[in-house]
Amino acid sequence: MTATTEADSGSTFLVVVDGRTGILYTPGNATELADNLQALLNDPKRAAELGRNARKRCESEYTLEIQYQRYLAAVKKRLPETP
């Protein structure tokens, strides 16, 4: 898995933990994005570590079964209770 830099907006923070599974930057800040990319290119060991951490996080938090269970729980929470 490759390290990533993502805009810190929406639900990105749920997947990318800044400095642990990738690097976040302020939306619209091209300089910050370029700096993050340069930092990853300049430090391949760190980039590889971020990538490994991201893969582990995805494999433990975002499997199909886990997503299914989360979705099912959310749907059940909103359905009226039946006697």
Protein backbone atom coordinates (compact mmCIF):
# COMPACT_ATOMS: atom_id res chain seq x y z
CA MET A 1 0.00 0.00 0.00
CA THR A 2 1.21 3.48 -0.82
CA ALA A 3 1.21 6.43 1.56
CA THR A 4 -1.27 9.17 0.83
CA THR A 5 -1.94 12.81 1.46
CA GLU A 6 -5.61 13.79 1.57
CA ALA A 7 -7.62 16.98 2.03
CA ASP A 8 -8.85 17.31 5.61
CA SER A 9 -12.53 17.49 4.76
CA GLY A 10 -15.65 15.42 4.95
CA SER A 11 -15.09 11.98 6.42
CA THR A 12 -11.45 11.65 5.31
CA PHE A 13 -10.40 11.70 8.96
CA LEU A 14 -12.20 8.37 9.46
CA VAL A 15 -9.70 6.63 7.21
CA VAL A 16 -6.61 8.83 7.20
CA VAL A 17 -5.14 9.42 10.66
CA ASP A 18 -2.81 12.37 10.16
CA GLY A 19 0.81 11.35 10.58
CA ARG A 20 -0.08 7.70 11.18
CA THR A 21 -1.83 6.38 8.07
CA GLY A 22 -1.24 9.35 5.78
CA ILE A 23 -0.88 13.10 5.84
CA LEU A 24 -3.76 15.56 5.80
CA TYR A 25 -3.65 19.02 4.28
CA THR A 26 -5.98 21.99 4.38
CA PRO A 27 -8.47 21.86 1.49
CA GLY A 28 -7.49 24.27 -1.27
CA ASN A 29 -3.95 24.73 0.02
CA ALA A 30 -1.84 23.65 -2.94
CA THR A 31 1.40 24.59 -1.20
CA GLU A 32 0.63 22.33 1.74
CA LEU A 33 -0.30 19.51 -0.63
CA ALA A 34 2.96 19.96 -2.56
CA ASP A 35 4.94 20.04 0.70
CA ASN A 36 3.28 16.81 1.87
CA LEU A 37 4.02 15.08 -1.43
CA GLN A 38 7.62 16.26 -1.33
CA ALA A 39 7.99 15.03 2.24
CA LEU A 40 6.77 11.57 1.21
CA LEU A 41 9.11 11.50 -1.78
CA ASN A 42 12.05 12.62 0.37
CA ASP A 43 11.45 9.98 3.05
CA PRO A 44 10.58 6.64 1.44
CA LYS A 45 10.87 4.81 4.78
CA ARG A 46 8.24 7.05 6.34
CA ALA A 47 6.06 6.75 3.25
CA ALA A 48 6.29 2.95 3.45
CA GLU A 49 5.44 3.01 7.16
CA LEU A 50 2.39 5.22 6.56
CA GLY A 51 1.32 2.87 3.77
CA ARG A 52 1.68 -0.22 5.99
CA ASN A 53 -0.25 1.48 8.78
CA ALA A 54 -3.01 2.46 6.36
CA ARG A 55 -3.28 -1.09 5.07
CA LYS A 56 -3.51 -2.50 8.59
CA ARG A 57 -6.21 0.03 9.46
CA CYS A 58 -8.23 -0.79 6.36
CA GLU A 59 -7.90 -4.54 6.93
CA SER A 60 -9.04 -4.24 10.54
CA GLU A 61 -11.67 -1.49 10.26
CA TYR A 62 -13.13 -1.56 6.77
CA THR A 63 -13.68 -5.17 5.75
CA LEU A 64 -16.88 -6.03 3.94
CA GLU A 65 -18.20 -7.85 7.02
CA ILE A 66 -17.48 -4.93 9.35
CA GLN A 67 -19.08 -2.44 6.96
CA TYR A 68 -22.11 -4.73 6.59
CA GLN A 69 -22.52 -4.97 10.37
CA ARG A 70 -22.23 -1.19 10.77
CA TYR A 71 -24.78 -0.60 8.03
CA LEU A 72 -27.16 -3.18 9.48
CA ALA A 73 -26.89 -1.63 12.95
CA ALA A 74 -27.61 1.83 11.54
CA VAL A 75 -30.66 0.58 9.64
CA LYS A 76 -32.02 -1.33 12.66
CA LYS A 77 -31.56 1.76 14.80
CA ARG A 78 -33.88 3.71 12.52
CA LEU A 79 -36.55 1.08 12.01
CA PRO A 80 -39.62 1.16 14.25
CA GLU A 81 -39.62 -1.52 16.91
CA THR A 82 -42.00 -4.40 16.30
CA PRO A 83 -43.86 -6.12 19.13
